[in-house]
Amino acid sequence: MIINSIYGKRRFDREANRDYTMPVGTYTSVAEQPLELMKIVYQFINHHQNHQVLRLQTLYDYYQANNAIKNQVDSNNPYHANNRVAAAFARYMTSIRVGYLIGNPIQLKLQDDNEVDDSQAQKFQNVLDTLSLIRMQTMSTSN
């Protein structure tokens, strides 16, 4: 079975996730030749338009809840159910991930240092350090 397929056919080109990098040697050889550098950059742009834009547009449509199910033709049979739902799960997941990664962390502070002795504060700090370590491990395994 082909992964990322619909009806046994690849949904996107194999080159749809390609990262564009230029080796240092290539760059240094064309850095002083603007036309040669422009040719290489044009190849990157052309490849992006031909192989990646379709995938990125599809993902953006999912983000906007413009799912492909909205484009399906209705049945002529009046007894068929029309239970099509387009949900913005991609937007929800993206918002949660972005908020988790770059949001403001929770800060807990004691109002008065005299109210709590140092041993309680140290225990509390140890718990916070453990939770932070677990969070970092979770983030590294999800990528």
Foldseek 3Di string as FASTA:
>chain_A
DDPCDDPPHHPFDPCQPPDDDDDPVVCVVCVVPVVVVVVVVVVVVVCCVVGHPVVVVQLVCLQVLVHPLVVDDDDPDPPDDDPDDRDNVVVVVVVVVCCLPPNDDDDDDDPDQVVDDPVVVVVVVVVVVVVVVVSVVVVVVVD
